[in-house]
PDBML (XML) file of the C-alpha atoms, coordinates in Angstrom:
<?xml version="1.0" encoding="UTF-8" ?>
<PDBx:datablock datablockName="MODEL"
   xmlns:PDBx="http://pdbml.pdb.org/schema/pdbx-v50.xsd"
   xmlns:xsi="http://www.w3.org/2001/XMLSchema-instance"
   xsi:schemaLocation="http://pdbml.pdb.org/schema/pdbx-v50.xsd pdbx-v50.xsd">
   <PDBx:atom_siteCategory>
      <PDBx:atom_site id="1">
         <PDBx:B_iso_or_equiv>0.00</PDBx:B_iso_or_equiv>
         <PDBx:Cartn_x>69.741</PDBx:Cartn_x>
         <PDBx:Cartn_y>97.251</PDBx:Cartn_y>
         <PDBx:Cartn_z>133.794</PDBx:Cartn_z>
         <PDBx:auth_asym_id>A</PDBx:auth_asym_id>
         <PDBx:auth_atom_id>CA</PDBx:auth_atom_id>
         <PDBx:auth_comp_id>SER</PDBx:auth_comp_id>
         <PDBx:auth_seq_id>1</PDBx:auth_seq_id>
         <PDBx:group_PDB>ATOM</PDBx:group_PDB>
         <PDBx:label_alt_id xsi:nil="true" />
         <PDBx:label_asym_id>A</PDBx:label_asym_id>
         <PDBx:label_atom_id>CA</PDBx:label_atom_id>
         <PDBx:label_comp_id>SER</PDBx:label_comp_id>
         <PDBx:label_entity_id>1</PDBx:label_entity_id>
         <PDBx:label_seq_id>1</PDBx:label_seq_id>
         <PDBx:occupancy>1.00</PDBx:occupancy>
         <PDBx:pdbx_PDB_model_num>1</PDBx:pdbx_PDB_model_num>
         <PDBx:type_symbol>C</PDBx:type_symbol>
      </PDBx:atom_site>
      <PDBx:atom_site id="2">
         <PDBx:B_iso_or_equiv>0.00</PDBx:B_iso_or_equiv>
         <PDBx:Cartn_x>72.114</PDBx:Cartn_x>
         <PDBx:Cartn_y>94.976</PDBx:Cartn_y>
         <PDBx:Cartn_z>131.902</PDBx:Cartn_z>
         <PDBx:auth_asym_id>A</PDBx:auth_asym_id>
         <PDBx:auth_atom_id>CA</PDBx:auth_atom_id>
         <PDBx:auth_comp_id>LEU</PDBx:auth_comp_id>
         <PDBx:auth_seq_id>2</PDBx:auth_seq_id>
         <PDBx:group_PDB>ATOM</PDBx:group_PDB>
         <PDBx:label_alt_id xsi:nil="true" />
         <PDBx:label_asym_id>A</PDBx:label_asym_id>
         <PDBx:label_atom_id>CA</PDBx:label_atom_id>
         <PDBx:label_comp_id>LEU</PDBx:label_comp_id>
         <PDBx:label_entity_id>1</PDBx:label_entity_id>
         <PDBx:label_seq_id>2</PDBx:label_seq_id>
         <PDBx:occupancy>1.00</PDBx:occupancy>
         <PDBx:pdbx_PDB_model_num>1</PDBx:pdbx_PDB_model_num>
         <PDBx:type_symbol>C</PDBx:type_symbol>
      </PDBx:atom_site>
      <PDBx:atom_site id="3">
         <PDBx:B_iso_or_equiv>0.00</PDBx:B_iso_or_equiv>
         <PDBx:Cartn_x>73.805</PDBx:Cartn_x>
         <PDBx:Cartn_y>98.009</PDBx:Cartn_y>
         <PDBx:Cartn_z>130.380</PDBx:Cartn_z>
         <PDBx:auth_asym_id>A</PDBx:auth_asym_id>
         <PDBx:auth_atom_id>CA</PDBx:auth_atom_id>
         <PDBx:auth_comp_id>GLN</PDBx:auth_comp_id>
         <PDBx:auth_seq_id>3</PDBx:auth_seq_id>
         <PDBx:group_PDB>ATOM</PDBx:group_PDB>
         <PDBx:label_alt_id xsi:nil="true" />
         <PDBx:label_asym_id>A</PDBx:label_asym_id>
         <PDBx:label_atom_id>CA</PDBx:label_atom_id>
         <PDBx:label_comp_id>GLN</PDBx:label_comp_id>
         <PDBx:label_entity_id>1</PDBx:label_entity_id>
         <PDBx:label_seq_id>3</PDBx:label_seq_id>
         <PDBx:occupancy>1.00</PDBx:occupancy>
         <PDBx:pdbx_PDB_model_num>1</PDBx:pdbx_PDB_model_num>
         <PDBx:type_symbol>C</PDBx:type_symbol>
      </PDBx:atom_site>
      <PDBx:atom_site id="4">
         <PDBx:B_iso_or_equiv>0.00</PDBx:B_iso_or_equiv>
         <PDBx:Cartn_x>74.345</PDBx:Cartn_x>
         <PDBx:Cartn_y>99.434</PDBx:Cartn_y>
         <PDBx:Cartn_z>133.872</PDBx:Cartn_z>
         <PDBx:auth_asym_id>A</PDBx:auth_asym_id>
         <PDBx:auth_atom_id>CA</PDBx:auth_atom_id>
         <PDBx:auth_comp_id>ALA</PDBx:auth_comp_id>
         <PDBx:auth_seq_id>4</PDBx:auth_seq_id>
         <PDBx:group_PDB>ATOM</PDBx:group_PDB>
         <PDBx:label_alt_id xsi:nil="true" />
         <PDBx:label_asym_id>A</PDBx:label_asym_id>
         <PDBx:label_atom_id>CA</PDBx:label_atom_id>
         <PDBx:label_comp_id>ALA</PDBx:label_comp_id>
         <PDBx:label_entity_id>1</PDBx:label_entity_id>
         <PDBx:label_seq_id>4</PDBx:label_seq_id>
         <PDBx:occupancy>1.00</PDBx:occupancy>
         <PDBx:pdbx_PDB_model_num>1</PDBx:pdbx_PDB_model_num>
         <PDBx:type_symbol>C</PDBx:type_symbol>
      </PDBx:atom_site>
      <PDBx:atom_site id="5">
         <PDBx:B_iso_or_equiv>0.00</PDBx:B_iso_or_equiv>
         <PDBx:Cartn_x>75.936</PDBx:Cartn_x>
         <PDBx:Cartn_y>96.155</PDBx:Cartn_y>
         <PDBx:Cartn_z>134.939</PDBx:Cartn_z>
         <PDBx:auth_asym_id>A</PDBx:auth_asym_id>
         <PDBx:auth_atom_id>CA</PDBx:auth_atom_id>
         <PDBx:auth_comp_id>LEU</PDBx:auth_comp_id>
         <PDBx:auth_seq_id>5</PDBx:auth_seq_id>
         <PDBx:group_PDB>ATOM</PDBx:group_PDB>
         <PDBx:label_alt_id xsi:nil="true" />
         <PDBx:label_asym_id>A</PDBx:label_asym_id>
         <PDBx:label_atom_id>CA</PDBx:label_atom_id>
         <PDBx:label_comp_id>LEU</PDBx:label_comp_id>
         <PDBx:label_entity_id>1</PDBx:label_entity_id>
         <PDBx:label_seq_id>5</PDBx:label_seq_id>
         <PDBx:occupancy>1.00</PDBx:occupancy>
         <PDBx:pdbx_PDB_model_num>1</PDBx:pdbx_PDB_model_num>
         <PDBx:type_symbol>C</PDBx:type_symbol>
      </PDBx:atom_site>
      <PDBx:atom_site id="6">
         <PDBx:B_iso_or_equiv>0.00</PDBx:B_iso_or_equiv>
         <PDBx:Cartn_x>78.266</PDBx:Cartn_x>
         <PDBx:Cartn_y>96.182</PDBx:Cartn_y>
         <PDBx:Cartn_z>131.929</PDBx:Cartn_z>
         <PDBx:auth_asym_id>A</PDBx:auth_asym_id>
         <PDBx:auth_atom_id>CA</PDBx:auth_atom_id>
         <PDBx:auth_comp_id>VAL</PDBx:auth_comp_id>
         <PDBx:auth_seq_id>6</PDBx:auth_seq_id>
         <PDBx:group_PDB>ATOM</PDBx:group_PDB>
         <PDBx:label_alt_id xsi:nil="true" />
         <PDBx:label_asym_id>A</PDBx:label_asym_id>
         <PDBx:label_atom_id>CA</PDBx:label_atom_id>
         <PDBx:label_comp_id>VAL</PDBx:label_comp_id>
         <PDBx:label_entity_id>1</PDBx:label_entity_id>
         <PDBx:label_seq_id>6</PDBx:label_seq_id>
         <PDBx:occupancy>1.00</PDBx:occupancy>
         <PDBx:pdbx_PDB_model_num>1</PDBx:pdbx_PDB_model_num>
         <PDBx:type_symbol>C</PDBx:type_symbol>
      </PDBx:atom_site>
      <PDBx:atom_site id="7">
         <PDBx:B_iso_or_equiv>0.00</PDBx:B_iso_or_equiv>
         <PDBx:Cartn_x>79.385</PDBx:Cartn_x>
         <PDBx:Cartn_y>99.748</PDBx:Cartn_y>
         <PDBx:Cartn_z>132.605</PDBx:Cartn_z>
         <PDBx:auth_asym_id>A</PDBx:auth_asym_id>
         <PDBx:auth_atom_id>CA</PDBx:auth_atom_id>
         <PDBx:auth_comp_id>THR</PDBx:auth_comp_id>
         <PDBx:auth_seq_id>7</PDBx:auth_seq_id>
         <PDBx:group_PDB>ATOM</PDBx:group_PDB>
         <PDBx:label_alt_id xsi:nil="true" />
         <PDBx:label_asym_id>A</PDBx:label_asym_id>
         <PDBx:label_atom_id>CA</PDBx:label_atom_id>
         <PDBx:label_comp_id>THR</PDBx:label_comp_id>
         <PDBx:label_entity_id>1</PDBx:label_entity_id>
         <PDBx:label_seq_id>7</PDBx:label_seq_id>
         <PDBx:occupancy>1.00</PDBx:occupancy>
         <PDBx:pdbx_PDB_model_num>1</PDBx:pdbx_PDB_model_num>
         <PDBx:type_symbol>C</PDBx:type_symbol>
      </PDBx:atom_site>
      <PDBx:atom_site id="8">
         <PDBx:B_iso_or_equiv>0.00</PDBx:B_iso_or_equiv>
         <PDBx:Cartn_x>79.429</PDBx:Cartn_x>
         <PDBx:Cartn_y>99.359</PDBx:Cartn_y>
         <PDBx:Cartn_z>136.382</PDBx:Cartn_z>
         <PDBx:auth_asym_id>A</PDBx:auth_asym_id>
         <PDBx:auth_atom_id>CA</PDBx:auth_atom_id>
         <PDBx:auth_comp_id>GLY</PDBx:auth_comp_id>
         <PDBx:auth_seq_id>8</PDBx:auth_seq_id>
         <PDBx:group_PDB>ATOM</PDBx:group_PDB>
         <PDBx:label_alt_id xsi:nil="true" />
         <PDBx:label_asym_id>A</PDBx:label_asym_id>
         <PDBx:label_atom_id>CA</PDBx:label_atom_id>
         <PDBx:label_comp_id>GLY</PDBx:label_comp_id>
         <PDBx:label_entity_id>1</PDBx:label_entity_id>
         <PDBx:label_seq_id>8</PDBx:label_seq_id>
         <PDBx:occupancy>1.00</PDBx:occupancy>
         <PDBx:pdbx_PDB_model_num>1</PDBx:pdbx_PDB_model_num>
         <PDBx:type_symbol>C</PDBx:type_symbol>
      </PDBx:atom_site>
      <PDBx:atom_site id="9">
         <PDBx:B_iso_or_equiv>0.00</PDBx:B_iso_or_equiv>
         <PDBx:Cartn_x>76.860</PDBx:Cartn_x>
         <PDBx:Cartn_y>102.200</PDBx:Cartn_y>
         <PDBx:Cartn_z>136.497</PDBx:Cartn_z>
         <PDBx:auth_asym_id>A</PDBx:auth_asym_id>
         <PDBx:auth_atom_id>CA</PDBx:auth_atom_id>
         <PDBx:auth_comp_id>ALA</PDBx:auth_comp_id>
         <PDBx:auth_seq_id>9</PDBx:auth_seq_id>
         <PDBx:group_PDB>ATOM</PDBx:group_PDB>
         <PDBx:label_alt_id xsi:nil="true" />
         <PDBx:label_asym_id>A</PDBx:label_asym_id>
         <PDBx:label_atom_id>CA</PDBx:label_atom_id>
         <PDBx:label_comp_id>ALA</PDBx:label_comp_id>
         <PDBx:label_entity_id>1</PDBx:label_entity_id>
         <PDBx:label_seq_id>9</PDBx:label_seq_id>
         <PDBx:occupancy>1.00</PDBx:occupancy>
         <PDBx:pdbx_PDB_model_num>1</PDBx:pdbx_PDB_model_num>
         <PDBx:type_symbol>C</PDBx:type_symbol>
      </PDBx:atom_site>
      <PDBx:atom_site id="10">
         <PDBx:B_iso_or_equiv>0.00</PDBx:B_iso_or_equiv>
         <PDBx:Cartn_x>79.828</PDBx:Cartn_x>
         <PDBx:Cartn_y>104.525</PDBx:Cartn_y>
         <PDBx:Cartn_z>135.988</PDBx:Cartn_z>
         <PDBx:auth_asym_id>A</PDBx:auth_asym_id>
         <PDBx:auth_atom_id>CA</PDBx:auth_atom_id>
         <PDBx:auth_comp_id>LEU</PDBx:auth_comp_id>
         <PDBx:auth_seq_id>10</PDBx:auth_seq_id>
         <PDBx:group_PDB>ATOM</PDBx:group_PDB>
         <PDBx:label_alt_id xsi:nil="true" />
         <PDBx:label_asym_id>A</PDBx:label_asym_id>
         <PDBx:label_atom_id>CA</PDBx:label_atom_id>
         <PDBx:label_comp_id>LEU</PDBx:label_comp_id>
         <PDBx:label_entity_id>1</PDBx:label_entity_id>
         <PDBx:label_seq_id>10</PDBx:label_seq_id>
         <PDBx:occupancy>1.00</PDBx:occupancy>
         <PDBx:pdbx_PDB_model_num>1</PDBx:pdbx_PDB_model_num>
         <PDBx:type_symbol>C</PDBx:type_symbol>
      </PDBx:atom_site>
      <PDBx:atom_site id="11">
         <PDBx:B_iso_or_equiv>0.00</PDBx:B_iso_or_equiv>
         <PDBx:Cartn_x>77.889</PDBx:Cartn_x>
         <PDBx:Cartn_y>107.259</PDBx:Cartn_y>
         <PDBx:Cartn_z>134.232</PDBx:Cartn_z>
         <PDBx:auth_asym_id>A</PDBx:auth_asym_id>
         <PDBx:auth_atom_id>CA</PDBx:auth_atom_id>
         <PDBx:auth_comp_id>HIS</PDBx:auth_comp_id>
         <PDBx:auth_seq_id>11</PDBx:auth_seq_id>
         <PDBx:group_PDB>ATOM</PDBx:group_PDB>
         <PDBx:label_alt_id xsi:nil="true" />
         <PDBx:label_asym_id>A</PDBx:label_asym_id>
         <PDBx:label_atom_id>CA</PDBx:label_atom_id>
         <PDBx:label_comp_id>HIS</PDBx:label_comp_id>
         <PDBx:label_entity_id>1</PDBx:label_entity_id>
         <PDBx:label_seq_id>11</PDBx:label_seq_id>
         <PDBx:occupancy>1.00</PDBx:occupancy>
         <PDBx:pdbx_PDB_model_num>1</PDBx:pdbx_PDB_model_num>
         <PDBx:type_symbol>C</PDBx:type_symbol>
      </PDBx:atom_site>
      <PDBx:atom_site id="12">
         <PDBx:B_iso_or_equiv>0.00</PDBx:B_iso_or_equiv>
         <PDBx:Cartn_x>74.804</PDBx:Cartn_x>
         <PDBx:Cartn_y>106.901</PDBx:Cartn_y>
         <PDBx:Cartn_z>136.417</PDBx:Cartn_z>
         <PDBx:auth_asym_id>A</PDBx:auth_asym_id>
         <PDBx:auth_atom_id>CA</PDBx:auth_atom_id>
         <PDBx:auth_comp_id>GLU</PDBx:auth_comp_id>
         <PDBx:auth_seq_id>12</PDBx:auth_seq_id>
         <PDBx:group_PDB>ATOM</PDBx:group_PDB>
         <PDBx:label_alt_id xsi:nil="true" />
         <PDBx:label_asym_id>A</PDBx:label_asym_id>
         <PDBx:label_atom_id>CA</PDBx:label_atom_id>
         <PDBx:label_comp_id>GLU</PDBx:label_comp_id>
         <PDBx:label_entity_id>1</PDBx:label_entity_id>
         <PDBx:label_seq_id>12</PDBx:label_seq_id>
         <PDBx:occupancy>1.00</PDBx:occupancy>
         <PDBx:pdbx_PDB_model_num>1</PDBx:pdbx_PDB_model_num>
         <PDBx:type_symbol>C</PDBx:type_symbol>
      </PDBx:atom_site>
      <PDBx:atom_site id="13">
         <PDBx:B_iso_or_equiv>0.00</PDBx:B_iso_or_equiv>
         <PDBx:Cartn_x>77.041</PDBx:Cartn_x>
         <PDBx:Cartn_y>107.524</PDBx:Cartn_y>
         <PDBx:Cartn_z>139.429</PDBx:Cartn_z>
         <PDBx:auth_asym_id>A</PDBx:auth_asym_id>
         <PDBx:auth_atom_id>CA</PDBx:auth_atom_id>
         <PDBx:auth_comp_id>ASP</PDBx:auth_comp_id>
         <PDBx:auth_seq_id>13</PDBx:auth_seq_id>
         <PDBx:group_PDB>ATOM</PDBx:group_PDB>
         <PDBx:label_alt_id xsi:nil="true" />
         <PDBx:label_asym_id>A</PDBx:label_asym_id>
         <PDBx:label_atom_id>CA</PDBx:label_atom_id>
         <PDBx:label_comp_id>ASP</PDBx:label_comp_id>
         <PDBx:label_entity_id>1</PDBx:label_entity_id>
         <PDBx:label_seq_id>13</PDBx:label_seq_id>
         <PDBx:occupancy>1.00</PDBx:occupancy>
         <PDBx:pdbx_PDB_model_num>1</PDBx:pdbx_PDB_model_num>
         <PDBx:type_symbol>C</PDBx:type_symbol>
      </PDBx:atom_site>
      <PDBx:atom_site id="14">
         <PDBx:B_iso_or_equiv>0.00</PDBx:B_iso_or_equiv>
         <PDBx:Cartn_x>78.355</PDBx:Cartn_x>
         <PDBx:Cartn_y>110.702</PDBx:Cartn_y>
         <PDBx:Cartn_z>137.810</PDBx:Cartn_z>
         <PDBx:auth_asym_id>A</PDBx:auth_asym_id>
         <PDBx:auth_atom_id>CA</PDBx:auth_atom_id>
         <PDBx:auth_comp_id>GLY</PDBx:auth_comp_id>
         <PDBx:auth_seq_id>14</PDBx:auth_seq_id>
         <PDBx:group_PDB>ATOM</PDBx:group_PDB>
         <PDBx:label_alt_id xsi:nil="true" />
         <PDBx:label_asym_id>A</PDBx:label_asym_id>
         <PDBx:label_atom_id>CA</PDBx:label_atom_id>
         <PDBx:label_comp_id>GLY</PDBx:label_comp_id>
         <PDBx:label_entity_id>1</PDBx:label_entity_id>
         <PDBx:label_seq_id>14</PDBx:label_seq_id>
         <PDBx:occupancy>1.00</PDBx:occupancy>
         <PDBx:pdbx_PDB_model_num>1</PDBx:pdbx_PDB_model_num>
         <PDBx:type_symbol>C</PDBx:type_symbol>
      </PDBx:atom_site>
      <PDBx:atom_site id="15">
         <PDBx:B_iso_or_equiv>0.00</PDBx:B_iso_or_equiv>
         <PDBx:Cartn_x>74.835</PDBx:Cartn_x>
         <PDBx:Cartn_y>111.925</PDBx:Cartn_y>
         <PDBx:Cartn_z>137.096</PDBx:Cartn_z>
         <PDBx:auth_asym_id>A</PDBx:auth_asym_id>
         <PDBx:auth_atom_id>CA</PDBx:auth_atom_id>
         <PDBx:auth_comp_id>LEU</PDBx:auth_comp_id>
         <PDBx:auth_seq_id>15</PDBx:auth_seq_id>
         <PDBx:group_PDB>ATOM</PDBx:group_PDB>
         <PDBx:label_alt_id xsi:nil="true" />
         <PDBx:label_asym_id>A</PDBx:label_asym_id>
         <PDBx:label_atom_id>CA</PDBx:label_atom_id>
         <PDBx:label_comp_id>LEU</PDBx:label_comp_id>
         <PDBx:label_entity_id>1</PDBx:label_entity_id>
         <PDBx:label_seq_id>15</PDBx:label_seq_id>
         <PDBx:occupancy>1.00</PDBx:occupancy>
         <PDBx:pdbx_PDB_model_num>1</PDBx:pdbx_PDB_model_num>
         <PDBx:type_symbol>C</PDBx:type_symbol>
      </PDBx:atom_site>
      <PDBx:atom_site id="16">
         <PDBx:B_iso_or_equiv>0.00</PDBx:B_iso_or_equiv>
         <PDBx:Cartn_x>73.731</PDBx:Cartn_x>
         <PDBx:Cartn_y>111.306</PDBx:Cartn_y>
         <PDBx:Cartn_z>140.685</PDBx:Cartn_z>
         <PDBx:auth_asym_id>A</PDBx:auth_asym_id>
         <PDBx:auth_atom_id>CA</PDBx:auth_atom_id>
         <PDBx:auth_comp_id>ALA</PDBx:auth_comp_id>
         <PDBx:auth_seq_id>16</PDBx:auth_seq_id>
         <PDBx:group_PDB>ATOM</PDBx:group_PDB>
         <PDBx:label_alt_id xsi:nil="true" />
         <PDBx:label_asym_id>A</PDBx:label_asym_id>
         <PDBx:label_atom_id>CA</PDBx:label_atom_id>
         <PDBx:label_comp_id>ALA</PDBx:label_comp_id>
         <PDBx:label_entity_id>1</PDBx:label_entity_id>
         <PDBx:label_seq_id>16</PDBx:label_seq_id>
         <PDBx:occupancy>1.00</PDBx:occupancy>
         <PDBx:pdbx_PDB_model_num>1</PDBx:pdbx_PDB_model_num>
         <PDBx:type_symbol>C</PDBx:type_symbol>
      </PDBx:atom_site>
      <PDBx:atom_site id="17">
         <PDBx:B_iso_or_equiv>0.00</PDBx:B_iso_or_equiv>
         <PDBx:Cartn_x>76.791</PDBx:Cartn_x>
         <PDBx:Cartn_y>113.051</PDBx:Cartn_y>
         <PDBx:Cartn_z>142.137</PDBx:Cartn_z>
         <PDBx:auth_asym_id>A</PDBx:auth_asym_id>
         <PDBx:auth_atom_id>CA</PDBx:auth_atom_id>
         <PDBx:auth_comp_id>ASP</PDBx:auth_comp_id>
         <PDBx:auth_seq_id>17</PDBx:auth_seq_id>
         <PDBx:group_PDB>ATOM</PDBx:group_PDB>
         <PDBx:label_alt_id xsi:nil="true" />
         <PDBx:label_asym_id>A</PDBx:label_asym_id>
         <PDBx:label_atom_id>CA</PDBx:label_atom_id>
         <PDBx:label_comp_id>ASP</PDBx:label_comp_id>
         <PDBx:label_entity_id>1</PDBx:label_entity_id>
         <PDBx:label_seq_id>17</PDBx:label_seq_id>
         <PDBx:occupancy>1.00</PDBx:occupancy>
         <PDBx:pdbx_PDB_model_num>1</PDBx:pdbx_PDB_model_num>
         <PDBx:type_symbol>C</PDBx:type_symbol>
      </PDBx:atom_site>
      <PDBx:atom_site id="18">
         <PDBx:B_iso_or_equiv>0.00</PDBx:B_iso_or_equiv>
         <PDBx:Cartn_x>76.273</PDBx:Cartn_x>
         <PDBx:Cartn_y>116.067</PDBx:Cartn_y>
         <PDBx:Cartn_z>139.887</PDBx:Cartn_z>
         <PDBx:auth_asym_id>A</PDBx:auth_asym_id>
         <PDBx:auth_atom_id>CA</PDBx:auth_atom_id>
         <PDBx:auth_comp_id>CYS</PDBx:auth_comp_id>
         <PDBx:auth_seq_id>18</PDBx:auth_seq_id>
         <PDBx:group_PDB>ATOM</PDBx:group_PDB>
         <PDBx:label_alt_id xsi:nil="true" />
         <PDBx:label_asym_id>A</PDBx:label_asym_id>
         <PDBx:label_atom_id>CA</PDBx:label_atom_id>
         <PDBx:label_comp_id>CYS</PDBx:label_comp_id>
         <PDBx:label_entity_id>1</PDBx:label_entity_id>
         <PDBx:label_seq_id>18</PDBx:label_seq_id>
         <PDBx:occupancy>1.00</PDBx:occupancy>
         <PDBx:pdbx_PDB_model_num>1</PDBx:pdbx_PDB_model_num>
         <PDBx:type_symbol>C</PDBx:type_symbol>
      </PDBx:atom_site>
      <PDBx:atom_site id="19">
         <PDBx:B_iso_or_equiv>0.00</PDBx:B_iso_or_equiv>
         <PDBx:Cartn_x>72.587</PDBx:Cartn_x>
         <PDBx:Cartn_y>116.296</PDBx:Cartn_y>
         <PDBx:Cartn_z>140.780</PDBx:Cartn_z>
         <PDBx:auth_asym_id>A</PDBx:auth_asym_id>
         <PDBx:auth_atom_id>CA</PDBx:auth_atom_id>
         <PDBx:auth_comp_id>ALA</PDBx:auth_comp_id>
         <PDBx:auth_seq_id>19</PDBx:auth_seq_id>
         <PDBx:group_PDB>ATOM</PDBx:group_PDB>
         <PDBx:label_alt_id xsi:nil="true" />
         <PDBx:label_asym_id>A</PDBx:label_asym_id>
         <PDBx:label_atom_id>CA</PDBx:label_atom_id>
         <PDBx:label_comp_id>ALA</PDBx:label_comp_id>
         <PDBx:label_entity_id>1</PDBx:label_entity_id>
         <PDBx:label_seq_id>19</PDBx:label_seq_id>
         <PDBx:occupancy>1.00</PDBx:occupancy>
         <PDBx:pdbx_PDB_model_num>1</PDBx:pdbx_PDB_model_num>
         <PDBx:type_symbol>C</PDBx:type_symbol>
      </PDBx:atom_site>
      <PDBx:atom_site id="20">
         <PDBx:B_iso_or_equiv>0.00</PDBx:B_iso_or_equiv>
         <PDBx:Cartn_x>73.429</PDBx:Cartn_x>
         <PDBx:Cartn_y>116.233</PDBx:Cartn_y>
         <PDBx:Cartn_z>144.488</PDBx:Cartn_z>
         <PDBx:auth_asym_id>A</PDBx:auth_asym_id>
         <PDBx:auth_atom_id>CA</PDBx:auth_atom_id>
         <PDBx:auth_comp_id>ASP</PDBx:auth_comp_id>
         <PDBx:auth_seq_id>20</PDBx:auth_seq_id>
         <PDBx:group_PDB>ATOM</PDBx:group_PDB>
         <PDBx:label_alt_id xsi:nil="true" />
         <PDBx:label_asym_id>A</PDBx:label_asym_id>
         <PDBx:label_atom_id>CA</PDBx:label_atom_id>
         <PDBx:label_comp_id>ASP</PDBx:label_comp_id>
         <PDBx:label_entity_id>1</PDBx:label_entity_id>
         <PDBx:label_seq_id>20</PDBx:label_seq_id>
         <PDBx:occupancy>1.00</PDBx:occupancy>
         <PDBx:pdbx_PDB_model_num>1</PDBx:pdbx_PDB_model_num>
         <PDBx:type_symbol>C</PDBx:type_symbol>
      </PDBx:atom_site>
      <PDBx:atom_site id="21">
         <PDBx:B_iso_or_equiv>0.00</PDBx:B_iso_or_equiv>
         <PDBx:Cartn_x>76.292</PDBx:Cartn_x>
         <PDBx:Cartn_y>118.701</PDBx:Cartn_y>
         <PDBx:Cartn_z>144.116</PDBx:Cartn_z>
         <PDBx:auth_asym_id>A</PDBx:auth_asym_id>
         <PDBx:auth_atom_id>CA</PDBx:auth_atom_id>
         <PDBx:auth_comp_id>GLY</PDBx:auth_comp_id>
         <PDBx:auth_seq_id>21</PDBx:auth_seq_id>
         <PDBx:group_PDB>ATOM</PDBx:group_PDB>
         <PDBx:label_alt_id xsi:nil="true" />
         <PDBx:label_asym_id>A</PDBx:label_asym_id>
         <PDBx:label_atom_id>CA</PDBx:label_atom_id>
         <PDBx:label_comp_id>GLY</PDBx:label_comp_id>
         <PDBx:label_entity_id>1</PDBx:label_entity_id>
         <PDBx:label_seq_id>21</PDBx:label_seq_id>
         <PDBx:occupancy>1.00</PDBx:occupancy>
         <PDBx:pdbx_PDB_model_num>1</PDBx:pdbx_PDB_model_num>
         <PDBx:type_symbol>C</PDBx:type_symbol>
      </PDBx:atom_site>
      <PDBx:atom_site id="22">
         <PDBx:B_iso_or_equiv>0.00</PDBx:B_iso_or_equiv>
         <PDBx:Cartn_x>74.597</PDBx:Cartn_x>
         <PDBx:Cartn_y>121.227</PDBx:Cartn_y>
         <PDBx:Cartn_z>141.873</PDBx:Cartn_z>
         <PDBx:auth_asym_id>A</PDBx:auth_asym_id>
         <PDBx:auth_atom_id>CA</PDBx:auth_atom_id>
         <PDBx:auth_comp_id>PHE</PDBx:auth_comp_id>
         <PDBx:auth_seq_id>22</PDBx:auth_seq_id>
         <PDBx:group_PDB>ATOM</PDBx:group_PDB>
         <PDBx:label_alt_id xsi:nil="true" />
         <PDBx:label_asym_id>A</PDBx:label_asym_id>
         <PDBx:label_atom_id>CA</PDBx:label_atom_id>
         <PDBx:label_comp_id>PHE</PDBx:label_comp_id>
         <PDBx:label_entity_id>1</PDBx:label_entity_id>
         <PDBx:label_seq_id>22</PDBx:label_seq_id>
         <PDBx:occupancy>1.00</PDBx:occupancy>
         <PDBx:pdbx_PDB_model_num>1</PDBx:pdbx_PDB_model_num>
         <PDBx:type_symbol>C</PDBx:type_symbol>
      </PDBx:atom_site>
      <PDBx:atom_site id="23">
         <PDBx:B_iso_or_equiv>0.00</PDBx:B_iso_or_equiv>
         <PDBx:Cartn_x>71.291</PDBx:Cartn_x>
         <PDBx:Cartn_y>120.834</PDBx:Cartn_y>
         <PDBx:Cartn_z>143.672</PDBx:Cartn_z>
         <PDBx:auth_asym_id>A</PDBx:auth_asym_id>
         <PDBx:auth_atom_id>CA</PDBx:auth_atom_id>
         <PDBx:auth_comp_id>GLY</PDBx:auth_comp_id>
         <PDBx:auth_seq_id>23</PDBx:auth_seq_id>
         <PDBx:group_PDB>ATOM</PDBx:group_PDB>
         <PDBx:label_alt_id xsi:nil="true" />
         <PDBx:label_asym_id>A</PDBx:label_asym_id>
         <PDBx:label_atom_id>CA</PDBx:label_atom_id>
         <PDBx:label_comp_id>GLY</PDBx:label_comp_id>
         <PDBx:label_entity_id>1</PDBx:label_entity_id>
         <PDBx:label_seq_id>23</PDBx:label_seq_id>
         <PDBx:occupancy>1.00</PDBx:occupancy>
         <PDBx:pdbx_PDB_model_num>1</PDBx:pdbx_PDB_model_num>
         <PDBx:type_symbol>C</PDBx:type_symbol>
      </PDBx:atom_site>
      <PDBx:atom_site id="24">
         <PDBx:B_iso_or_equiv>0.00</PDBx:B_iso_or_equiv>
         <PDBx:Cartn_x>72.589</PDBx:Cartn_x>
         <PDBx:Cartn_y>121.040</PDBx:Cartn_y>
         <PDBx:Cartn_z>147.233</PDBx:Cartn_z>
         <PDBx:auth_asym_id>A</PDBx:auth_asym_id>
         <PDBx:auth_atom_id>CA</PDBx:auth_atom_id>
         <PDBx:auth_comp_id>GLY</PDBx:auth_comp_id>
         <PDBx:auth_seq_id>24</PDBx:auth_seq_id>
         <PDBx:group_PDB>ATOM</PDBx:group_PDB>
         <PDBx:label_alt_id xsi:nil="true" />
         <PDBx:label_asym_id>A</PDBx:label_asym_id>
         <PDBx:label_atom_id>CA</PDBx:label_atom_id>
         <PDBx:label_comp_id>GLY</PDBx:label_comp_id>
         <PDBx:label_entity_id>1</PDBx:label_entity_id>
         <PDBx:label_seq_id>24</PDBx:label_seq_id>
         <PDBx:occupancy>1.00</PDBx:occupancy>
         <PDBx:pdbx_PDB_model_num>1</PDBx:pdbx_PDB_model_num>
         <PDBx:type_symbol>C</PDBx:type_symbol>
      </PDBx:atom_site>
      <PDBx:atom_site id="25">
         <PDBx:B_iso_or_equiv>0.00</PDBx:B_iso_or_equiv>
         <PDBx:Cartn_x>75.791</PDBx:Cartn_x>
         <PDBx:Cartn_y>123.081</PDBx:Cartn_y>
         <PDBx:Cartn_z>147.081</PDBx:Cartn_z>
         <PDBx:auth_asym_id>A</PDBx:auth_asym_id>
         <PDBx:auth_atom_id>CA</PDBx:auth_atom_id>
         <PDBx:auth_comp_id>GLY</PDBx:auth_comp_id>
         <PDBx:auth_seq_id>25</PDBx:auth_seq_id>
         <PDBx:group_PDB>ATOM</PDBx:group_PDB>
         <PDBx:label_alt_id xsi:nil="true" />
         <PDBx:label_asym_id>A</PDBx:label_asym_id>
         <PDBx:label_atom_id>CA</PDBx:label_atom_id>
         <PDBx:label_comp_id>GLY</PDBx:label_comp_id>
         <PDBx:label_entity_id>1</PDBx:label_entity_id>
         <PDBx:label_seq_id>25</PDBx:label_seq_id>
         <PDBx:occupancy>1.00</PDBx:occupancy>
         <PDBx:pdbx_PDB_model_num>1</PDBx:pdbx_PDB_model_num>
         <PDBx:type_symbol>C</PDBx:type_symbol>
      </PDBx:atom_site>
   </PDBx:atom_siteCategory>
</PDBx:datablock>
């Protein structure tokens, strides 16, 4: 959780967007 705060959850956001895109498009 602290690591996500330090990075601004930048990579987690990319993972979520890819999962939605590849899964739904």
